[in-house]
Structure formats: structure tokens, C-alpha cells
Protein backbone atom coordinates (compact mmCIF):
# COMPACT_ATOMS: atom_id res chain seq x y z
CA MET A 1 178.68 91.74 77.87
CA HIS A 2 175.67 93.38 79.31
CA LYS A 3 172.35 92.14 80.38
CA ILE A 4 169.18 94.29 80.06
CA LEU A 5 165.56 93.68 81.46
CA VAL A 6 162.75 95.43 79.56
CA VAL A 7 159.45 95.75 81.38
CA ASP A 8 156.09 96.77 79.49
CA ASP A 9 152.77 95.37 79.48
CA GLU A 10 152.78 95.96 75.54
CA PRO A 11 154.57 93.01 73.92
CA ARG A 12 154.93 94.93 70.67
CA VAL A 13 156.85 97.64 72.52
CA SER A 14 159.13 95.59 74.61
CA THR A 15 159.87 93.42 71.62
CA GLY A 16 160.73 96.34 69.54
CA ILE A 17 162.99 97.76 72.36
CA LYS A 18 164.67 94.39 72.61
CA ASN A 19 165.40 94.16 68.97
CA PHE A 20 166.85 97.77 68.99
CA LEU A 21 169.13 96.81 71.65
CA LEU A 22 170.39 93.50 70.34
CA GLY A 23 170.96 94.99 67.00
CA SER A 24 172.99 97.74 68.50
CA GLU A 25 176.86 97.98 68.90
CA LEU A 26 176.52 98.44 72.71
CA ASN A 27 177.96 94.96 73.55
CA ILE A 28 174.54 93.67 74.64
CA ALA A 29 174.53 90.00 75.18
CA HIS A 30 170.91 89.36 76.28
CA VAL A 31 167.57 91.34 76.66
CA GLU A 32 164.88 89.69 78.81
CA THR A 33 161.45 90.95 78.71
CA ALA A 34 158.69 90.91 81.36
CA LEU A 35 155.04 91.87 80.95
CA ASN A 36 154.53 93.31 84.31
CA GLY A 37 156.30 94.27 87.52
CA PHE A 38 155.79 90.87 89.22
CA GLU A 39 157.46 89.05 86.34
CA ALA A 40 160.24 91.82 86.37
CA ILE A 41 160.96 91.21 90.10
CA ASP A 42 161.19 87.40 89.68
CA TYR A 43 163.78 87.80 87.05
CA LEU A 44 165.76 90.43 89.16
CA ARG A 45 165.85 88.02 92.07
CA MET A 46 166.85 85.10 90.02
CA GLU A 47 169.48 86.88 87.78
CA THR A 48 172.02 89.71 87.52
CA PHE A 49 170.99 92.54 85.16
CA ASP A 50 172.99 95.69 84.36
CA LEU A 51 170.04 97.90 83.64
CA VAL A 52 166.24 98.04 83.73
CA LEU A 53 163.78 99.74 81.38
CA THR A 54 160.33 100.12 82.57
CA ASP A 55 157.13 101.71 81.56
CA ILE A 56 155.37 103.78 84.26
CA GLN A 57 151.57 102.94 83.45
CA MET A 58 151.21 99.10 84.04
CA SER A 59 148.35 97.14 85.44
CA ARG A 60 148.58 95.51 89.03
CA MET A 61 152.10 96.94 89.66
CA SER A 62 153.14 100.31 88.38
CA GLY A 63 156.49 101.23 87.26
CA ILE A 64 156.79 103.52 90.44
CA GLU A 65 156.10 100.34 92.61
CA LEU A 66 158.49 98.46 90.70
CA MET A 67 161.27 101.21 91.04
CA GLU A 68 160.50 101.10 94.79
CA THR A 69 161.16 97.37 95.15
CA ILE A 70 164.22 97.63 92.97
CA TYR A 71 165.58 100.46 95.31
CA MET A 72 164.80 98.47 98.39
CA GLU A 73 166.40 95.16 97.07
CA GLN A 74 169.07 96.37 94.43
CA PRO A 75 169.60 100.00 95.24
CA HIS A 76 172.59 100.43 92.76
CA LEU A 77 170.70 99.00 89.69
CA PRO A 78 169.97 101.75 87.23
CA VAL A 79 166.52 102.31 85.93
CA ILE A 80 165.26 104.08 82.65
CA VAL A 81 161.80 105.02 82.56
CA ILE A 82 159.66 104.87 79.42
CA SER A 83 156.11 106.40 79.26
CA ALA A 84 153.62 107.78 76.80
CA HIS A 85 152.89 110.74 79.20
CA GLU A 86 155.10 113.52 77.88
CA LYS A 87 153.78 115.82 80.32
CA PHE A 88 154.54 113.88 83.39
CA ASP A 89 156.01 116.90 85.00
CA PHE A 90 158.20 115.30 87.86
CA ALA A 91 160.01 112.73 85.46
CA LYS A 92 160.15 115.17 82.51
CA LYS A 93 161.72 118.09 84.21
CA SER A 94 163.90 116.29 86.78
CA LEU A 95 165.78 113.08 85.60
CA ARG A 96 166.67 112.52 89.30
CA LEU A 97 163.51 111.08 90.41
CA GLY A 98 164.86 107.49 91.15
CA ALA A 99 165.57 106.97 87.44
CA ARG A 100 168.66 107.52 85.31
CA ASP A 101 166.58 108.96 82.45
CA TYR A 102 163.11 109.34 80.99
CA LEU A 103 162.07 108.38 77.36
CA VAL A 104 158.78 109.29 75.95
CA LYS A 105 156.84 106.65 73.66
CA PRO A 106 157.15 106.08 70.74
CA VAL A 107 160.89 105.53 71.63
CA GLU A 108 163.10 106.87 68.92
CA ARG A 109 165.97 104.36 68.23
CA ASP A 110 168.68 106.91 68.33
CA ASP A 111 167.54 108.23 71.72
CA LEU A 112 167.32 104.86 73.25
CA LEU A 113 170.74 103.74 72.28
CA ARG A 114 172.26 106.92 73.37
CA VAL A 115 170.64 106.89 76.77
CA VAL A 116 171.24 103.07 77.32
CA GLY A 117 174.88 103.63 76.13
CA SER A 118 175.51 106.30 78.57
CA VAL A 119 174.27 104.28 81.64
CA LEU A 120 175.99 101.24 80.41
CA ARG A 121 179.40 103.11 80.17
CA GLU A 122 178.93 104.66 83.63
CA ASN A 123 178.21 101.22 85.05
CA GLU A 124 181.49 99.76 83.54
CA ALA A 125 183.34 102.62 85.20
CA ILE A 126 181.85 101.73 88.50
CA GLY A 127 182.51 98.26 87.88
CA ARG A 128 186.20 98.81 87.37
CA GLN A 129 186.30 100.65 90.54
CA SER A 130 184.55 97.87 92.55
CA LEU A 131 186.78 95.22 91.05
CA ALA A 132 189.77 97.04 92.23
CA LEU A 133 188.28 97.39 95.57
CA THR A 134 187.28 93.53 95.64
CA GLU A 135 190.88 92.40 94.68
CA ALA A 136 192.25 94.75 97.52
CA GLN A 137 189.80 92.98 100.00
CA ARG A 138 190.83 89.64 98.67
CA GLY A 139 194.54 90.42 99.12
CA ALA A 140 193.69 91.35 102.79
CA GLY A 141 192.08 88.03 103.49
CA GLY A 142 188.37 88.82 102.46
CA LYS A 143 186.34 85.72 101.28
CA SER A 144 183.94 85.69 98.32
CA GLY A 145 180.46 85.52 99.14
CA GLN A 146 180.66 87.80 102.07
CA PRO A 147 178.02 90.54 102.32
CA GLY A 148 178.91 93.75 100.50
CA MET A 149 180.38 96.82 102.59
CA GLY A 150 177.62 98.82 101.89
CA GLU A 151 175.08 96.07 103.02
CA LEU A 152 177.04 95.74 106.34
CA LEU A 153 177.41 99.27 107.03
CA THR A 154 173.65 99.77 106.37
CA ALA A 155 172.95 96.87 108.84
CA LEU A 156 175.28 98.18 111.50
CA VAL A 157 173.82 101.73 111.38
CA THR A 158 170.15 100.84 111.48
CA GLU A 159 170.30 97.74 113.69
CA GLY A 160 173.36 98.44 115.97
CA ASP A 161 173.60 94.95 117.37
CA LEU A 162 175.54 92.82 114.83
CA PRO A 163 177.14 89.84 116.55
CA ALA A 164 180.95 89.70 117.06
CA LYS A 165 181.63 87.41 114.19
CA ASP A 166 179.80 89.53 111.73
CA GLY A 167 181.56 92.56 113.10
CA GLU A 168 184.88 90.76 112.11
CA ALA A 169 183.55 90.17 108.73
CA LEU A 170 182.71 93.98 108.60
CA VAL A 171 186.25 94.92 109.63
CA ALA A 172 187.69 92.57 107.06
CA LEU A 173 185.66 94.18 104.46
CA LEU A 174 186.92 97.56 105.78
CA SER A 175 190.39 96.48 105.46
CA ASP A 176 191.26 99.16 102.81
CA GLN A 177 190.74 101.54 105.65
CA SER A 178 193.78 100.40 107.47
CA GLU A 179 195.50 103.56 106.93
CA GLY A 180 193.06 105.28 109.43
CA GLY A 181 190.04 107.57 108.78
CA LEU A 182 186.81 108.78 110.31
CA PHE A 183 183.06 107.90 110.20
CA GLY A 184 180.26 110.27 110.36
CA VAL A 185 176.45 110.05 110.08
CA VAL A 186 174.08 112.69 108.54
CA SER A 187 170.26 112.64 109.29
CA ILE A 188 168.48 114.43 106.28
CA ARG A 189 164.83 115.26 106.81
CA PRO A 190 163.44 116.73 103.62
CA ASP A 191 159.94 118.05 103.58
CA LEU A 192 158.34 116.02 100.73
CA THR A 193 154.81 117.17 101.18
CA ARG A 194 155.43 120.11 98.75
CA GLY A 195 158.17 120.58 96.08
CA GLY A 196 158.98 119.99 92.44
CA PHE A 197 159.21 122.67 89.94
CA SER A 198 155.61 123.32 90.12
CA ASP A 199 155.84 123.82 93.96
CA ARG A 200 152.60 121.83 94.61
CA GLU A 201 151.41 119.32 97.32
CA ILE A 202 152.87 115.87 96.45
CA ALA A 203 150.71 112.80 96.74
CA LEU A 204 152.19 109.55 98.40
CA GLN A 205 153.61 107.86 95.14
CA GLY A 206 155.10 111.17 94.25
CA ARG A 207 156.77 111.45 97.69
CA LYS A 208 158.29 108.02 97.17
CA LEU A 209 159.79 109.21 93.69
CA LEU A 210 160.96 112.34 95.50
CA LYS A 211 162.64 110.52 98.16
CA TYR A 212 164.49 108.29 95.45
CA ALA A 213 165.48 111.34 93.65
CA SER A 214 166.82 112.84 96.95
CA ILE A 215 168.97 109.82 97.67
CA ASN A 216 170.33 109.84 93.97
CA ILE A 217 171.36 113.53 94.42
CA LEU A 218 173.00 112.67 97.82
CA ASN A 219 174.86 109.70 96.30
CA GLU A 220 176.33 112.26 93.57
CA CYS A 221 177.16 115.24 95.83
CA LEU A 222 178.77 113.16 98.61
CA GLY A 223 181.01 111.28 96.54
CA GLU A 224 184.06 113.02 97.67
CA TRP A 225 183.61 111.66 101.06
CA ARG A 226 182.68 108.23 99.83
CA GLY A 227 179.09 108.79 101.00
CA LEU A 228 176.52 105.79 101.14
CA SER A 229 172.87 107.11 101.25
CA LEU A 230 170.07 104.83 102.61
CA SER A 231 166.34 105.28 103.07
CA GLY A 232 165.38 105.68 106.82
CA TYR A 233 161.90 105.55 108.23
CA GLY A 234 159.31 107.98 106.80
CA ASN A 235 160.84 110.79 104.81
CA GLU A 236 164.15 110.51 106.65
CA ILE A 237 167.40 109.80 104.55
CA VAL A 238 170.57 108.55 106.33
CA ALA A 239 174.17 109.21 104.94
CA ILE A 240 177.18 107.55 106.07
CA LEU A 241 180.42 109.53 105.46
CA ARG A 242 183.95 108.13 105.29
CA PHE A 243 186.85 110.57 105.67
CA GLY A 244 190.32 109.90 105.30
CA GLU A 245 192.85 110.37 108.10
CA PRO A 246 192.95 114.12 108.52
CA LYS A 247 196.16 115.90 108.15
CA ALA A 248 197.45 118.17 111.08
CA HIS A 249 195.91 121.49 109.60
CA GLU A 250 192.57 119.92 108.87
CA ARG A 251 191.88 118.90 112.49
CA GLY A 252 189.59 120.88 114.87
CA ALA A 253 188.19 123.79 113.21
CA GLY A 254 189.08 122.52 109.76
CA ILE A 255 187.03 119.20 109.98
CA GLU A 256 184.11 121.35 111.60
CA SER A 257 184.13 123.71 108.63
CA GLN A 258 184.03 120.80 106.29
CA LEU A 259 181.13 119.18 107.95
CA HIS A 260 179.17 122.67 108.01
CA LEU A 261 179.98 122.70 104.15
CA ILE A 262 178.60 119.31 103.65
CA GLY A 263 175.30 120.27 105.53
CA GLN A 264 174.81 123.49 103.44
CA MET A 265 175.66 121.48 100.09
CA ILE A 266 172.87 118.90 100.84
CA HIS A 267 170.46 121.65 101.71
CA MET A 268 171.33 123.73 98.59
CA ASN A 269 171.29 120.64 96.29
CA LEU A 270 168.00 119.38 97.15
CA LYS A 271 166.53 122.91 97.27
CA SER A 272 168.06 123.58 93.82
CA TYR A 273 167.17 120.32 92.04
CA LEU A 274 163.94 119.20 93.73
CA ASN A 275 162.83 122.50 95.28
CA VAL A 276 162.32 120.83 98.69
CA GLU A 277 163.20 122.39 102.17
CA THR A 278 165.46 120.25 104.11
CA THR A 279 166.74 119.85 107.73
CA VAL A 280 170.29 118.40 108.14
CA GLY A 281 171.68 116.89 111.32
CA ILE A 282 175.31 115.97 111.44
CA SER A 283 177.00 113.81 114.02
CA SER A 284 180.56 113.96 115.30
CA LEU A 285 183.18 111.86 113.75
CA HIS A 286 184.68 108.67 115.11
CA ALA A 287 187.34 106.10 113.87
CA ASP A 288 185.62 103.20 115.28
CA VAL A 289 182.99 101.81 112.70
CA PHE A 290 181.10 100.24 115.57
CA MET A 291 180.31 103.75 116.78
CA LEU A 292 177.92 104.12 113.90
CA PRO A 293 174.79 103.45 116.04
CA LYS A 294 175.86 106.17 118.31
CA LEU A 295 176.72 108.50 115.59
CA MET A 296 173.31 107.71 114.22
CA ASP A 297 171.75 108.89 117.37
CA GLU A 298 173.75 112.06 117.57
CA ALA A 299 172.79 112.98 113.90
CA LYS A 300 168.97 112.19 114.81
CA ALA A 301 169.31 114.56 117.97
CA ALA A 302 171.06 117.29 115.96
CA ALA A 303 168.32 117.27 113.40
CA GLU A 304 165.49 117.41 116.17
CA TRP A 305 167.16 120.90 117.20
CA ARG A 306 165.16 122.32 114.29
CA HIS A 307 162.09 122.62 116.67
CA MET A 308 164.15 125.15 118.77
CA ASN A 309 165.77 126.98 115.93
CA PRO A 310 162.97 126.96 113.14
CA GLY A 311 165.14 129.47 110.97
CA GLN A 312 168.14 127.02 110.81
CA ARG A 313 168.66 124.15 108.39
CA VAL A 314 171.90 122.56 109.21
CA PHE A 315 172.69 121.30 112.64
CA TYR A 316 176.15 119.96 113.90
CA PHE A 317 176.14 117.74 117.00
CA GLU A 318 179.50 119.11 118.24
CA ASP A 319 178.10 122.73 118.28
CA ARG A 320 175.53 121.80 120.79
CA LYS A 321 177.75 119.32 122.93
CA ALA A 322 180.32 122.22 123.24
CA ARG A 323 177.41 124.46 124.77
CA GLU A 324 176.17 121.76 126.99
CA ASN A 325 177.21 121.43 130.69
CA LEU A 326 179.37 118.36 130.86
CA GLY A 327 179.40 116.27 133.82
CA ILE A 328 176.27 114.02 134.08
CA ALA A 329 175.39 114.57 130.32
CA ASP A 330 179.02 113.56 129.28
CA TRP A 331 178.66 110.46 131.54
CA ILE A 332 175.39 109.44 129.87
CA ALA A 333 176.77 109.72 126.51
CA GLN A 334 179.80 107.77 127.56
CA VAL A 335 177.68 104.90 129.05
CA ASN A 336 175.64 104.83 125.88
CA VAL A 337 178.79 104.62 123.62
CA PHE A 338 179.99 101.83 126.02
CA SER A 339 176.79 99.89 125.96
CA GLN A 340 176.48 100.09 122.16
CA THR A 341 180.12 98.80 121.62
CA LEU A 342 179.31 95.97 124.31
CA LYS A 343 176.20 95.10 122.29
CA ALA A 344 178.03 95.00 119.00
CA GLY A 345 180.65 92.65 120.44
CA ALA A 346 178.15 90.43 122.53
CA GLY A 347 179.82 87.15 123.37
CA SER A 348 183.22 88.01 122.67
CA ASP A 349 185.89 89.20 125.34
CA ARG A 350 185.75 92.74 123.94
CA THR A 351 184.36 95.10 126.47
CA GLY A 352 184.96 98.32 124.34
CA GLY A 353 187.54 101.05 124.42
CA ASN A 354 185.66 103.14 126.97
CA GLY A 355 185.43 100.61 129.61
CA GLU A 356 188.59 101.69 131.39
CA LYS A 357 187.80 105.24 131.17
CA LEU A 358 184.48 104.61 132.67
CA LEU A 359 186.09 102.63 135.66
CA GLN A 360 188.55 105.57 136.09
CA THR A 361 185.68 108.13 136.37
CA LEU A 362 184.02 105.94 138.99
CA ARG A 363 187.35 105.57 140.86
CA ARG A 364 187.73 109.14 141.15
CA LEU A 365 184.22 109.41 142.72
CA GLN A 366 184.51 106.82 145.43
CA ASP A 367 184.77 109.32 148.14
CA GLU A 368 181.63 111.13 146.90
CA ALA A 369 178.96 108.64 147.94
CA GLU A 370 175.96 110.26 146.31
CA MET A 371 177.77 110.94 143.00
CA PHE A 372 179.47 107.58 142.88
CA ASN A 373 176.11 105.68 143.47
CA SER A 374 174.27 107.68 140.74
CA TYR A 375 177.02 107.26 138.11
CA PHE A 376 177.42 103.55 138.94
CA GLY A 377 173.77 103.14 138.87
CA MET A 378 173.29 104.57 135.47
CA LEU A 379 176.10 102.22 133.98
CA ALA A 380 174.88 98.95 135.74
CA TYR A 381 171.26 99.66 134.81
CA ARG A 382 172.07 100.50 131.28
CA LEU A 383 173.80 97.17 130.97
CA TYR A 384 171.02 95.25 132.63
CA GLY A 385 168.51 97.12 130.24
CA LEU A 386 170.52 95.67 127.29
CA LEU A 387 169.84 92.07 128.62
CA LEU A 388 166.16 93.08 129.07
CA GLU A 389 165.92 94.10 125.54
CA GLN A 390 167.25 90.99 124.13
CA GLY A 391 165.78 88.50 126.56
CA ARG A 392 162.12 89.92 126.89
CA SER A 393 160.59 87.71 124.52
CA ASN A 394 162.20 84.21 125.39
CA GLY A 395 161.03 83.98 129.03
CA MET A 396 164.65 83.45 130.28
CA SER A 397 164.94 84.55 133.88
CA LEU A 398 167.63 87.45 134.15
CA GLN A 399 167.01 88.29 137.59
CA ARG A 400 170.58 87.44 138.89
CA PHE A 401 171.75 90.18 136.66
CA ASP A 402 169.64 92.80 138.39
CA PRO A 403 172.28 95.25 139.85
CA ASP A 404 170.25 95.50 143.14
CA ALA A 405 170.73 91.81 143.58
CA TYR A 406 174.29 91.45 141.94
CA PHE A 407 175.96 94.21 144.02
CA ARG A 408 173.76 93.90 147.17
CA GLY A 409 175.80 94.63 150.31
CA SER A 410 178.77 96.01 148.42
CA ASP A 411 180.40 99.31 149.24
CA ALA A 412 181.91 101.44 146.45
CA GLU A 413 185.17 99.49 146.35
CA GLY A 414 183.39 96.16 146.31
CA LYS A 415 181.11 97.32 143.54
CA LEU A 416 184.31 98.47 141.54
CA ALA A 417 185.97 95.13 142.15
CA ALA A 418 182.81 93.30 140.92
CA LEU A 419 182.13 95.52 137.94
CA GLY A 420 184.69 93.91 135.59
CA ALA A 421 183.16 90.16 136.09
CA TYR A 422 179.55 91.77 135.72
CA ILE A 423 180.43 93.25 132.39
CA LEU A 424 182.06 90.03 131.04
CA GLU A 425 178.97 88.10 132.34
CA VAL A 426 176.55 90.45 130.58
CA SER A 427 178.64 90.26 127.36
CA ALA A 428 178.48 86.40 127.34
CA MET A 429 174.74 86.37 128.21
CA LEU A 430 174.13 88.89 125.40
CA GLY A 431 175.83 86.72 122.86
CA GLN A 432 173.62 83.88 124.00
CA LEU A 433 170.46 85.68 123.77
CA THR A 434 171.43 87.20 120.41
CA GLN A 435 171.84 83.73 118.96
CA GLU A 436 168.53 82.51 120.23
CA ARG A 437 166.86 85.66 119.13
CA ASP A 438 168.28 85.04 115.64
CA ARG A 439 166.99 81.43 115.62
CA SER A 440 163.69 82.70 116.78
CA ILE A 441 163.49 85.45 114.19
CA LEU A 442 164.60 83.06 111.46
CA ALA A 443 161.67 80.70 112.37
CA ARG A 444 159.33 83.81 112.24
CA ILE A 445 160.58 84.75 108.89
CA THR A 446 160.24 81.29 107.29
CA GLY A 447 156.87 80.82 108.83
CA PHE A 448 155.79 84.28 107.29
CA ILE A 449 156.99 83.25 104.13
CA ARG A 450 155.43 79.91 104.16
CA GLU A 451 152.02 81.54 104.77
CA ARG A 452 152.39 84.37 102.13
CA PHE A 453 154.58 82.79 99.32
CA ARG A 454 151.38 82.22 97.13
CA ASP A 455 150.79 86.05 97.16
CA PRO A 456 152.15 87.60 93.92
CA ALA A 457 152.59 90.83 95.70
CA LEU A 458 154.83 89.67 98.44
CA LYS A 459 157.81 91.99 98.94
CA ILE A 460 160.91 92.13 101.08
CA GLN A 461 159.32 94.92 102.89
CA ASP A 462 156.51 92.90 103.94
CA ILE A 463 158.79 90.29 105.45
CA ALA A 464 160.99 92.90 107.08
CA SER A 465 158.05 94.65 108.84
CA GLU A 466 157.03 91.36 110.13
CA VAL A 467 160.27 90.97 112.24
CA HIS A 468 160.92 94.82 112.46
CA PHE A 469 164.17 94.71 110.65
CA SER A 470 165.69 96.76 107.86
CA THR A 471 165.55 95.05 104.50
CA ALA A 472 169.33 94.93 104.21
CA TYR A 473 169.81 93.22 107.63
CA LEU A 474 166.89 90.80 107.06
CA SER A 475 168.66 89.64 103.63
CA TYR A 476 171.89 89.29 105.33
CA LEU A 477 170.60 87.39 108.36
CA PHE A 478 168.80 84.99 106.16
CA LYS A 479 171.65 84.25 103.98
CA ARG A 480 173.99 83.93 107.05
CA GLU A 481 171.65 81.43 108.76
CA THR A 482 170.30 79.34 105.92
CA GLY A 483 173.18 79.79 103.21
CA LYS A 484 170.61 80.74 100.51
CA ASN A 485 169.05 83.84 99.21
CA LEU A 486 165.79 84.79 100.67
CA TRP A 487 164.12 85.06 97.29
CA ASP A 488 165.39 81.75 96.26
CA PHE A 489 163.66 80.21 99.11
CA VAL A 490 160.45 81.93 98.11
CA THR A 491 160.60 80.66 94.55
CA GLU A 492 161.72 77.01 95.86
CA LEU A 493 158.45 77.06 97.92
CA ARG A 494 156.40 78.12 94.91
CA ILE A 495 157.97 75.52 92.67
CA GLU A 496 157.76 72.58 95.19
CA GLU A 497 153.80 73.44 95.72
CA ALA A 498 153.34 73.57 91.84
CA LYS A 499 155.21 70.20 91.67
CA ARG A 500 152.66 68.82 94.35
CA MET A 501 149.77 70.12 92.47
CA LEU A 502 150.92 68.73 89.05
CA GLU A 503 151.31 65.29 90.73
CA THR A 504 148.00 65.25 92.73
CA SER A 505 145.46 67.29 90.82
CA ASP A 506 144.25 67.69 87.25
CA LYS A 507 144.35 71.53 87.51
CA LYS A 508 145.32 73.17 84.33
CA ARG A 509 148.82 75.20 84.08
CA TYR A 510 147.27 78.60 84.48
CA GLU A 511 145.33 77.56 87.52
CA ILE A 512 148.35 76.26 89.23
CA ALA A 513 150.36 79.27 88.14
CA TYR A 514 147.88 81.62 89.77
CA ALA A 515 147.64 79.34 92.95
CA VAL A 516 151.37 79.51 93.65
CA GLY A 517 151.70 83.28 93.17
CA TYR A 518 152.57 83.99 89.45
CA GLU A 519 150.77 86.45 87.46
CA SER A 520 151.05 84.65 84.03
CA PRO A 521 151.19 80.97 82.94
CA GLU A 522 153.92 81.79 80.59
CA HIS A 523 156.04 83.31 83.21
CA PHE A 524 155.28 80.35 85.67
CA GLY A 525 156.35 77.92 83.00
CA ARG A 526 159.78 79.51 82.36
CA MET A 527 160.43 79.69 86.18
CA PHE A 528 159.23 76.03 86.55
CA LYS A 529 161.79 74.74 83.93
CA ARG A 530 164.55 76.91 85.15
CA TYR A 531 164.21 75.45 88.63
CA ALA A 532 162.88 71.80 87.84
CA GLY A 533 164.63 71.20 84.56
CA LEU A 534 161.44 70.26 82.89
CA SER A 535 158.21 72.24 81.75
CA PRO A 536 155.03 71.75 84.02
CA ALA A 537 153.46 69.58 81.29
CA GLU A 538 156.87 67.19 80.97
CA TYR A 539 156.96 66.99 84.68
CA ARG A 540 153.27 66.10 85.16
CA LYS A 541 153.74 63.37 82.38
CA GLU A 542 156.91 62.10 83.96
CA ARG A 543 155.53 61.82 87.45
CA GLN A 544 152.07 60.46 86.63
CA GLY A 545 153.62 57.89 84.18
CA SER A 546 156.02 56.62 86.77
CA ASP A 547 153.14 56.42 89.21
CA GLY A 548 151.34 54.31 86.87
């Protein structure tokens, strides 16, 4: 049975759509209506819906802003746009602008049911696939309530510093990959300043829609590679690719050809559907999921090569690497890979698969003092830099980890003998610093929310910006540390403040509603009863009566 949310500031319209849907044969169990984007967001944070239908032109929060919030918090929730503007070119001519479809008011019943039915059937098909995957994960020892695979992959590629226990959870969720496989990252840079079918300059809101459209197109065209597309900074879009274990004839040139094909396909699809020019940077492939941050760096570096080759649109990292002089550049790359692995496994006894390889390289250089000291210094100071990154804000002294102090007086053989212990100590300290950082960040998050929960326009992007995290990792960290959903915490603060005001003041319901962050008294009343079990009036009567 399906559950749908209808958002429109004209009650007559939303009620009419609700009646159409409930009277249909689409197996719809419940239709909720919201008068504006703020009410809609509250419902979405509190309940699970299969589909949202929203007007574009609404006061206070437009449908475009609502879609942006939905994308950030529930990227897989489908949206259908309803508008009285028949000549809204972007949405009219391209149904890929962040919405599954576009309906013009007055909405015809048959059109509405056709479009809604199509989206719900697609959801059911996706749901069956997800259920099969979930059952497979449970069979492999996965636990219910764990963050989703997409959420953890997003956190890993954007943060690059998941603690060891979270990495283990990620590995469990990826248990269906036990037969082997490869990961790759693509950095997509669409030029969103111009485009669309009118090939005109695009305003800021239009760029947001155009970016959503690009992500939708990427999710479709990368399905063969189980692609996961997510929003990066600015106009950047990041795609994570997951390949099965390549057959013998597919290795080497075969894989390279496939990656070039993916890059060209991304560029051509965005050009064909949205008329935007795009630069695509593609990383190498790696079997270790913890290499995703490093692959992200590779993809970004590849995309930046457009400045040196303005006529080219697709860049593959391995192309450049093959042309570079190895040696010092290769060593730097190996050190970066190792440091990211160490960072991801901070506090555990894992030192990364590249550790022994680095030691072997250093042993071969023992007799070349200048080269040895240069290579050794790059590694040791890179590890020291990891500690400084994590410990900069807590005032803890990390002086004893300074390589100049730790290895003072040691020759090459002595440095190599002490390096293993140094790496283990750095890993243990990283684990401690990460835990302290997370506790400190959680305090900042809750403090920020306590200051801002009365603002009806509060968004997860605002909170994420405060601590410089991605929205996915913010939600994951908050749930992990507190055991509750971030927006449940916001709502609890609002309801608790409302209770206090009902008990200690004579303010009317609408005054309290506005004071604690709700746009309408009616919506406040529904939310209050859902959390407190009583209406605001019943609560006030009960509390004031008991005081008397």
C-alpha cells in the first residue's frame, strides 16, 4: 500500500488531488496534504512516503527549494511537479529537471493517475530489488538499522576518514561483493551557466534544477555499472562506479576502453538531454573500497587537466599516469594511498596493504642517503600531518610524534627499525583524536540546533555547513552517536519548548506555533499531538489543572 504527500498552498487543489488518488485503483493507502514546503519537510522527516507531488509557485518556500531539500535528505524519493505555468520551458521540455514528471493545472484526473501509477510501479520494481539485496545482507550477518550502502559510500568518498568500526559496517553492507570487483570514481563538471533547450544563461535556481536533472540522467545511464551519483561542491557531480571482477580478456586495454566509453556517454547524454557542456575526469580502478578517497583525488586531478587541454572533454587518470615519470611522483602517490588507508582504519591494528611495499622501497634506498632521507621524510611527515589535521583544534600536544624528535640520532637502519612502531602509535593516536573530534563536533551540532530550532527555515545543509561535513555523514554521525534521527531531535526540542510555553504562559496556540518554528497553527497542532499524545489545548488544561 502506497503513501503519498501532496504539497500545494491552495487547499482546494490539494484536496481534489487527494480525492482523485484515494478513489483510484492504484493501491494508495494514505494521502497527506501540506500547505507549504515547511509543513512538507516536517512530514517527510517524520514519516516514510513513496511519492511527493508539489506545486512550484508557493509562498515562503518554493517547490524548487522543497525539491532541493528532498534531494539532500532523501535523494531517492520521487517528485512530480504540478504548476499553472504551462510555458515553464525547463520543466515542460525536459522531465529530467529533478522531477519524474510535470503536470499543468488544472490537473486532469486521467493524466494524474497515469503519471502517478507509472512512478509507483517503478518504485515497486526498485523495492523488490532492494528487498533482495537486504535479505542477502542479513544472510551475511548485516544488522537492521545500519546505515545504507549508498549513505556509507557517500560518507567514505566525501569524508575519507571513517573510523575502523564504521569501516567494518561498510564491509558488512558490501558483503554481496564478496566475489570480487572494482571501484572507480568519476568527477563530472557540467557548465551550468548556460544550457537548456533555449541555450540561454541560467539563473541560480535554474542551475540547481539543472544539476538535479544531471544527477537523474547519470543515475540512469550508469545503471549498468551500479553507479551512485551524488552532489559535490558547486557544480561538481561525483559518481561512484562498481564493476564486477573483470574477465581475463577484459583486463588492461579492455577496462580502459570501457572507462573511456563511460566518459563519452556521460558527456553525450548531458549534452543531448540538457544541452550543457561537461568535463569528465575518471579515476583508476581499485578493489579496496577504502581507496575511494584516493580515487576521488584522482578523478578531480584528471578533470583539472581540461585547463591544459581545452578541446578535450573526457580525461582518464591512467592516461596521464602512464605518461608521467614514475619515481618520486609514484612514491608520493603510494604515500598518499597509505596515509588514507591508515586514516580510515585509525585506532585498529590495520596499517594498510601498502605498508610493507613502502618499507621494501625504503630498504632498497638505504645505501643512497640523500634519496632515502627524502623518501623517508615524505612518509614520516605525511603521517605526522594526519595527526595535526585531527588534533589541531583540541590543544593536545603532539610534539613527540614530530619525526625530527622521534627519529633523532637514528641512521637509516635505525629509522627503518623504528618506523613500524611509529606507524602503530600514529594509528592509535588517530583513533583517539577521531573519537574526541566526533564528540566535540556532536556538541557543536546539538548547540547549533538548540540555537536555531525555532527557525522554520532550518535545513540540514545549514547544520552540515556549520561543521563542514557532508549531509550524509552528518546524519550518519548524529544517529551513530545519539541513537536518534537528527530531525527527531529538532522536533523534540520544538515540542518540549511548546510544552514549556503552554505550562508557563497564556500565549495562544498560533503564537506558540510561530515561536517554536511552525508555519501554521494547524500543522503545529498535528505535530504536537503526534509527539505528546494530546492536543496543545488538552495538554495545557491537564498541566494547569494538575498545578492547581
